[in-house]
Amino acid sequence: MATQEEFDKAAEDVKNLKSTPSDNDLLELYGLYKQATVGDCNTAKPGFLDFKGKAKWEAWNGRKGMSNSDALNAYVQKVKSLIETVGLKA
């Protein structure tokens, strides 16, 4: 079970990865982060032509019903796997 401190550290670590994660990884991180910090998606779906906004909304809304602690744990694990794959900046 990840702690709030581990979550906060993971949120900082993700900014210091050696390379930018793939779009899919970024969307997964976004959805987990929002679910862990806000809870279920509470905004209207963006318009048809807002592709980026719609992708982010869908990544978050796809986590609907996931508990904050489960999202927090999944976020920390995802960041750890990204660090293992690409490493952190020195």
Foldseek 3Di string as FASTA:
>chain_A
DDDPVLLVVLVVQQVFFPDPDDPVLVLLLLLLVCCLPPNADDDDQDDPPPVVSNSNSCSNNVCHPPHNVNSSVVNSVSSVVSCVVGNGDD
